[in-house]
Amino acid sequence: MIRILVAATLLYLAAAVAIAAYGAPPEGSDPDSATARWFRSLIIPGTEQTPCCGWSDGRAVEYRVAGDHYEALVGRQFPDGPEVPTWIAVPAGRVLTRTDNPTGRAGLFWRPGTGVLCFVLPAQV
């Protein structure tokens, strides 16, 4: 019984640490910076004013063109295994047509189980 309790406690602590790390904004983030305002201005295509979500859902990604769509490289966590880099398709209706990306990288707002919320290309020069 004690082994089960210890195992459950360790599992709970590991999940809490993973959730806290996953949902934290980048270190040194200033919520009033121009970049933060830009992130807050991103709206899910096809919605009235639904934001692409906070920094916890967004990440800089490598991307590629695959046929008639984009793909983004994300880390996926599989049960009982390590995080594995995986290419996921970006639905055409989730690509933002903005050209003012100040990060210099492609950005993906994505949640496992929900899918792609928004995708923005790096600024075009």
N, C-alpha and C. Protein backbone atom coordinates (compact mmCIF):
# COMPACT_ATOMS: atom_id res chain seq x y z
N MET A 1 0.82 -1.19 0.00
CA MET A 1 0.00 0.00 0.00
C MET A 1 0.87 1.26 0.00
N ILE A 2 1.96 1.22 0.77
CA ILE A 2 2.85 2.38 0.84
C ILE A 2 3.52 2.61 -0.52
N ARG A 3 3.87 1.53 -1.21
CA ARG A 3 4.49 1.67 -2.54
C ARG A 3 3.54 2.37 -3.50
N ILE A 4 2.29 2.03 -3.46
CA ILE A 4 1.30 2.65 -4.34
C ILE A 4 1.17 4.13 -4.01
N LEU A 5 1.13 4.46 -2.72
CA LEU A 5 1.02 5.85 -2.30
C LEU A 5 2.24 6.66 -2.73
N VAL A 6 3.43 6.09 -2.57
CA VAL A 6 4.67 6.77 -2.98
C VAL A 6 4.67 6.94 -4.50
N ALA A 7 4.31 5.91 -5.23
CA ALA A 7 4.29 5.99 -6.69
C ALA A 7 3.29 7.04 -7.15
N ALA A 8 2.11 7.08 -6.55
CA ALA A 8 1.10 8.07 -6.91
C ALA A 8 1.58 9.48 -6.62
N THR A 9 2.24 9.67 -5.49
CA THR A 9 2.76 10.99 -5.13
C THR A 9 3.83 11.44 -6.12
N LEU A 10 4.75 10.54 -6.47
CA LEU A 10 5.79 10.88 -7.44
C LEU A 10 5.20 11.21 -8.81
N LEU A 11 4.20 10.46 -9.23
CA LEU A 11 3.54 10.72 -10.50
C LEU A 11 2.87 12.09 -10.48
N TYR A 12 2.20 12.41 -9.38
CA TYR A 12 1.55 13.71 -9.24
C TYR A 12 2.58 14.84 -9.31
N LEU A 13 3.69 14.71 -8.61
CA LEU A 13 4.72 15.74 -8.61
C LEU A 13 5.34 15.91 -9.99
N ALA A 14 5.59 14.81 -10.67
CA ALA A 14 6.15 14.88 -12.02
C ALA A 14 5.19 15.59 -12.97
N ALA A 15 3.90 15.29 -12.87
CA ALA A 15 2.90 15.94 -13.72
C ALA A 15 2.81 17.42 -13.41
N ALA A 16 2.87 17.79 -12.13
CA ALA A 16 2.80 19.20 -11.74
C ALA A 16 3.99 19.98 -12.29
N VAL A 17 5.18 19.40 -12.22
CA VAL A 17 6.36 20.07 -12.75
C VAL A 17 6.26 20.20 -14.26
N ALA A 18 5.80 19.14 -14.95
CA ALA A 18 5.67 19.19 -16.40
C ALA A 18 4.66 20.24 -16.83
N ILE A 19 3.54 20.33 -16.14
CA ILE A 19 2.52 21.31 -16.48
C ILE A 19 3.04 22.72 -16.24
N ALA A 20 3.72 22.94 -15.13
CA ALA A 20 4.26 24.26 -14.83
C ALA A 20 5.29 24.68 -15.87
N ALA A 21 6.15 23.76 -16.29
CA ALA A 21 7.16 24.09 -17.30
C ALA A 21 6.52 24.33 -18.65
N TYR A 22 5.49 23.57 -19.00
CA TYR A 22 4.83 23.69 -20.30
C TYR A 22 4.08 25.01 -20.40
N GLY A 23 3.47 25.47 -19.31
CA GLY A 23 2.62 26.63 -19.36
C GLY A 23 3.29 27.94 -19.02
N ALA A 24 4.58 27.94 -18.79
CA ALA A 24 5.26 29.17 -18.38
C ALA A 24 5.66 30.00 -19.59
N PRO A 25 5.52 31.33 -19.49
CA PRO A 25 6.02 32.18 -20.57
C PRO A 25 7.54 32.15 -20.61
N PRO A 26 8.13 32.56 -21.71
CA PRO A 26 9.59 32.55 -21.80
C PRO A 26 10.22 33.37 -20.68
N GLU A 27 11.36 32.90 -20.19
CA GLU A 27 12.05 33.60 -19.11
C GLU A 27 12.43 35.00 -19.56
N GLY A 28 12.25 35.96 -18.67
CA GLY A 28 12.59 37.34 -18.99
C GLY A 28 11.54 38.04 -19.83
N SER A 29 10.37 37.45 -19.97
CA SER A 29 9.32 38.05 -20.78
C SER A 29 8.78 39.32 -20.12
N ASP A 30 8.57 40.32 -20.91
CA ASP A 30 7.98 41.56 -20.44
C ASP A 30 6.59 41.66 -21.07
N PRO A 31 5.52 41.57 -20.26
CA PRO A 31 4.17 41.58 -20.82
C PRO A 31 3.80 42.87 -21.53
N ASP A 32 4.59 43.93 -21.35
CA ASP A 32 4.29 45.20 -22.00
C ASP A 32 5.18 45.48 -23.21
N SER A 33 6.01 44.51 -23.59
CA SER A 33 6.91 44.71 -24.73
C SER A 33 6.14 44.68 -26.04
N ALA A 34 6.78 45.20 -27.08
CA ALA A 34 6.16 45.19 -28.41
C ALA A 34 5.91 43.76 -28.87
N THR A 35 6.82 42.85 -28.54
CA THR A 35 6.64 41.45 -28.94
C THR A 35 5.44 40.84 -28.22
N ALA A 36 5.29 41.13 -26.94
CA ALA A 36 4.14 40.60 -26.19
C ALA A 36 2.84 41.15 -26.76
N ARG A 37 2.82 42.43 -27.11
CA ARG A 37 1.61 43.01 -27.72
C ARG A 37 1.32 42.35 -29.05
N TRP A 38 2.36 42.04 -29.82
CA TRP A 38 2.17 41.37 -31.10
C TRP A 38 1.53 40.00 -30.88
N PHE A 39 2.06 39.23 -29.91
CA PHE A 39 1.49 37.91 -29.62
C PHE A 39 0.01 38.04 -29.25
N ARG A 40 -0.33 39.02 -28.43
CA ARG A 40 -1.72 39.21 -28.02
C ARG A 40 -2.61 39.63 -29.17
N SER A 41 -2.04 40.18 -30.24
CA SER A 41 -2.85 40.63 -31.37
C SER A 41 -3.19 39.50 -32.34
N LEU A 42 -2.61 38.33 -32.16
CA LEU A 42 -2.86 37.21 -33.07
C LEU A 42 -4.23 36.61 -32.79
N ILE A 43 -5.05 36.54 -33.83
CA ILE A 43 -6.42 36.06 -33.72
C ILE A 43 -6.58 34.80 -34.57
N ILE A 44 -7.26 33.80 -34.03
CA ILE A 44 -7.50 32.56 -34.78
C ILE A 44 -8.30 32.89 -36.05
N PRO A 45 -7.79 32.50 -37.21
CA PRO A 45 -8.51 32.78 -38.45
C PRO A 45 -9.93 32.22 -38.41
N GLY A 46 -10.87 33.01 -38.94
CA GLY A 46 -12.25 32.57 -39.01
C GLY A 46 -13.06 32.84 -37.76
N THR A 47 -12.43 33.46 -36.76
CA THR A 47 -13.16 33.80 -35.54
C THR A 47 -13.25 35.32 -35.45
N GLU A 48 -14.17 35.78 -34.64
CA GLU A 48 -14.33 37.23 -34.47
C GLU A 48 -13.11 37.83 -33.76
N GLN A 49 -12.84 37.38 -32.56
CA GLN A 49 -11.74 37.94 -31.78
C GLN A 49 -11.13 36.91 -30.85
N THR A 50 -11.10 35.65 -31.23
CA THR A 50 -10.53 34.62 -30.37
C THR A 50 -9.02 34.61 -30.53
N PRO A 51 -8.30 34.93 -29.45
CA PRO A 51 -6.84 34.97 -29.56
C PRO A 51 -6.26 33.58 -29.81
N CYS A 52 -5.10 33.58 -30.43
CA CYS A 52 -4.41 32.31 -30.67
C CYS A 52 -3.96 31.67 -29.36
N CYS A 53 -4.13 32.33 -28.28
CA CYS A 53 -3.80 31.89 -26.93
C CYS A 53 -2.52 32.55 -26.46
N GLY A 54 -2.11 32.20 -25.27
CA GLY A 54 -0.94 32.82 -24.67
C GLY A 54 0.34 32.16 -25.12
N TRP A 55 1.42 32.68 -24.59
CA TRP A 55 2.74 32.15 -24.94
C TRP A 55 2.87 30.69 -24.56
N SER A 56 2.09 30.23 -23.59
CA SER A 56 2.22 28.83 -23.18
C SER A 56 1.78 27.88 -24.28
N ASP A 57 0.94 28.34 -25.20
CA ASP A 57 0.49 27.49 -26.30
C ASP A 57 1.33 27.71 -27.56
N GLY A 58 2.15 28.74 -27.58
CA GLY A 58 2.92 29.06 -28.76
C GLY A 58 4.37 28.63 -28.63
N ARG A 59 4.94 28.33 -29.75
CA ARG A 59 6.36 27.97 -29.75
C ARG A 59 6.93 28.28 -31.13
N ALA A 60 8.22 28.63 -31.14
CA ALA A 60 8.93 28.79 -32.41
C ALA A 60 9.17 27.39 -32.96
N VAL A 61 8.97 27.23 -34.26
CA VAL A 61 9.10 25.91 -34.87
C VAL A 61 9.85 25.96 -36.19
N GLU A 62 10.42 24.84 -36.52
CA GLU A 62 10.91 24.64 -37.88
C GLU A 62 9.68 24.29 -38.71
N TYR A 63 9.68 24.68 -39.97
CA TYR A 63 8.53 24.36 -40.82
C TYR A 63 9.01 24.00 -42.22
N ARG A 64 8.12 23.41 -42.96
CA ARG A 64 8.42 23.07 -44.35
C ARG A 64 7.12 23.10 -45.15
N VAL A 65 7.29 23.18 -46.47
CA VAL A 65 6.15 23.09 -47.37
C VAL A 65 6.06 21.63 -47.81
N ALA A 66 4.87 21.06 -47.69
CA ALA A 66 4.65 19.67 -48.09
C ALA A 66 3.44 19.65 -49.03
N GLY A 67 3.73 19.63 -50.32
CA GLY A 67 2.63 19.67 -51.29
C GLY A 67 1.96 21.03 -51.25
N ASP A 68 0.67 21.05 -50.87
CA ASP A 68 -0.09 22.30 -50.85
C ASP A 68 -0.31 22.86 -49.45
N HIS A 69 0.48 22.40 -48.48
CA HIS A 69 0.29 22.87 -47.11
C HIS A 69 1.64 22.97 -46.38
N TYR A 70 1.59 23.59 -45.22
CA TYR A 70 2.77 23.67 -44.36
C TYR A 70 2.74 22.53 -43.35
N GLU A 71 3.93 22.17 -42.89
CA GLU A 71 4.07 21.25 -41.77
C GLU A 71 5.00 21.90 -40.76
N ALA A 72 4.72 21.66 -39.49
CA ALA A 72 5.53 22.22 -38.41
C ALA A 72 6.09 21.07 -37.58
N LEU A 73 7.32 21.25 -37.12
CA LEU A 73 7.99 20.22 -36.32
C LEU A 73 7.73 20.50 -34.84
N VAL A 74 7.05 19.58 -34.20
CA VAL A 74 6.75 19.72 -32.77
C VAL A 74 7.26 18.49 -32.03
N GLY A 75 7.43 18.65 -30.74
CA GLY A 75 7.78 17.52 -29.90
C GLY A 75 6.51 16.89 -29.37
N ARG A 76 6.34 15.61 -29.57
CA ARG A 76 5.17 14.91 -29.07
C ARG A 76 5.59 13.93 -28.00
N GLN A 77 4.85 13.93 -26.91
CA GLN A 77 5.12 13.02 -25.80
C GLN A 77 4.20 11.81 -25.95
N PHE A 78 4.77 10.66 -26.07
CA PHE A 78 3.99 9.43 -26.17
C PHE A 78 4.01 8.72 -24.82
N PRO A 79 2.96 7.99 -24.50
CA PRO A 79 2.91 7.31 -23.20
C PRO A 79 4.15 6.45 -22.97
N ASP A 80 4.70 6.57 -21.79
CA ASP A 80 5.86 5.78 -21.38
C ASP A 80 7.05 5.92 -22.32
N GLY A 81 7.21 7.08 -22.92
CA GLY A 81 8.34 7.25 -23.81
C GLY A 81 8.83 8.68 -23.83
N PRO A 82 9.93 8.92 -24.52
CA PRO A 82 10.49 10.27 -24.59
C PRO A 82 9.70 11.14 -25.56
N GLU A 83 9.96 12.44 -25.51
CA GLU A 83 9.36 13.34 -26.48
C GLU A 83 10.01 13.07 -27.83
N VAL A 84 9.20 12.95 -28.86
CA VAL A 84 9.68 12.60 -30.18
C VAL A 84 9.34 13.72 -31.16
N PRO A 85 10.34 14.25 -31.89
CA PRO A 85 10.02 15.28 -32.90
C PRO A 85 9.11 14.69 -33.97
N THR A 86 8.03 15.41 -34.27
CA THR A 86 7.02 14.92 -35.21
C THR A 86 6.56 16.06 -36.10
N TRP A 87 6.48 15.81 -37.40
CA TRP A 87 5.93 16.80 -38.33
C TRP A 87 4.41 16.69 -38.30
N ILE A 88 3.74 17.83 -38.08
CA ILE A 88 2.28 17.84 -38.12
C ILE A 88 1.82 18.78 -39.22
N ALA A 89 0.73 18.42 -39.88
CA ALA A 89 0.17 19.25 -40.94
C ALA A 89 -0.51 20.47 -40.33
N VAL A 90 -0.33 21.61 -40.97
CA VAL A 90 -1.00 22.84 -40.55
C VAL A 90 -2.18 23.06 -41.49
N PRO A 91 -3.41 23.04 -40.96
CA PRO A 91 -4.56 23.27 -41.83
C PRO A 91 -4.48 24.67 -42.47
N ALA A 92 -4.82 24.76 -43.74
CA ALA A 92 -4.73 26.03 -44.46
C ALA A 92 -5.52 27.13 -43.76
N GLY A 93 -6.63 26.78 -43.13
CA GLY A 93 -7.46 27.76 -42.46
C GLY A 93 -6.88 28.28 -41.15
N ARG A 94 -5.75 27.77 -40.73
CA ARG A 94 -5.11 28.22 -39.48
C ARG A 94 -3.84 29.02 -39.73
N VAL A 95 -3.51 29.28 -41.00
CA VAL A 95 -2.31 30.05 -41.33
C VAL A 95 -2.67 31.53 -41.32
N LEU A 96 -1.95 32.29 -40.51
CA LEU A 96 -2.14 33.74 -40.46
C LEU A 96 -1.39 34.37 -41.62
N THR A 97 -1.96 35.38 -42.22
CA THR A 97 -1.34 36.02 -43.38
C THR A 97 -0.53 37.25 -42.99
N ARG A 98 -0.17 37.34 -41.73
CA ARG A 98 0.58 38.50 -41.25
C ARG A 98 2.02 38.45 -41.75
N THR A 99 2.59 39.63 -41.95
CA THR A 99 3.98 39.72 -42.42
C THR A 99 4.86 40.44 -41.41
N ASP A 100 4.34 40.68 -40.20
CA ASP A 100 5.06 41.50 -39.23
C ASP A 100 5.58 40.70 -38.03
N ASN A 101 5.97 39.47 -38.24
CA ASN A 101 6.43 38.60 -37.16
C ASN A 101 7.77 39.09 -36.62
N PRO A 102 7.81 39.62 -35.38
CA PRO A 102 9.07 40.15 -34.85
C PRO A 102 10.02 39.10 -34.29
N THR A 103 9.60 37.84 -34.24
CA THR A 103 10.43 36.80 -33.62
C THR A 103 11.51 36.27 -34.55
N GLY A 104 11.31 36.44 -35.86
CA GLY A 104 12.28 35.92 -36.81
C GLY A 104 12.13 34.43 -37.09
N ARG A 105 11.14 33.78 -36.47
CA ARG A 105 10.92 32.34 -36.66
C ARG A 105 9.46 32.09 -36.94
N ALA A 106 9.17 30.95 -37.52
CA ALA A 106 7.77 30.55 -37.67
C ALA A 106 7.22 30.26 -36.28
N GLY A 107 5.96 30.55 -36.09
CA GLY A 107 5.34 30.31 -34.79
C GLY A 107 4.11 29.44 -34.92
N LEU A 108 3.98 28.52 -33.99
CA LEU A 108 2.85 27.59 -33.99
C LEU A 108 2.16 27.66 -32.63
N PHE A 109 0.86 27.85 -32.67
CA PHE A 109 0.03 27.79 -31.46
C PHE A 109 -0.73 26.48 -31.57
N TRP A 110 -0.41 25.55 -30.68
CA TRP A 110 -0.87 24.18 -30.82
C TRP A 110 -1.04 23.56 -29.46
N ARG A 111 -2.07 22.75 -29.34
CA ARG A 111 -2.28 22.00 -28.10
C ARG A 111 -2.52 20.55 -28.46
N PRO A 112 -1.82 19.64 -27.80
CA PRO A 112 -2.10 18.23 -28.04
C PRO A 112 -3.58 17.96 -27.73
N GLY A 113 -4.23 17.24 -28.59
CA GLY A 113 -5.63 16.92 -28.38
C GLY A 113 -6.57 17.94 -29.01
N THR A 114 -6.13 19.19 -29.12
CA THR A 114 -6.94 20.24 -29.74
C THR A 114 -6.47 20.47 -31.17
N GLY A 115 -5.17 20.47 -31.35
CA GLY A 115 -4.60 20.68 -32.67
C GLY A 115 -4.08 22.09 -32.87
N VAL A 116 -3.90 22.47 -34.13
CA VAL A 116 -3.33 23.75 -34.49
C VAL A 116 -4.38 24.85 -34.31
N LEU A 117 -4.02 25.86 -33.54
CA LEU A 117 -4.89 27.03 -33.39
C LEU A 117 -4.51 28.10 -34.39
N CYS A 118 -3.21 28.37 -34.51
CA CYS A 118 -2.69 29.38 -35.44
C CYS A 118 -1.28 29.00 -35.86
N PHE A 119 -0.91 29.46 -37.04
CA PHE A 119 0.46 29.28 -37.54
C PHE A 119 0.83 30.58 -38.24
N VAL A 120 2.00 31.10 -37.91
CA VAL A 120 2.47 32.33 -38.54
C VAL A 120 3.88 32.12 -39.06
N LEU A 121 4.09 32.57 -40.28
CA LEU A 121 5.40 32.45 -40.91
C LEU A 121 6.34 33.52 -40.38
N PRO A 122 7.65 33.32 -40.56
CA PRO A 122 8.58 34.39 -40.18
C PRO A 122 8.31 35.62 -41.07
N ALA A 123 8.74 36.78 -40.61
CA ALA A 123 8.56 38.00 -41.41
C ALA A 123 9.22 37.82 -42.77
N GLN A 124 8.53 38.25 -43.79
CA GLN A 124 9.06 38.15 -45.15
C GLN A 124 9.91 39.39 -45.44
N VAL A 125 11.13 39.15 -45.87
CA VAL A 125 12.03 40.26 -46.15
C VAL A 125 12.23 40.46 -47.62
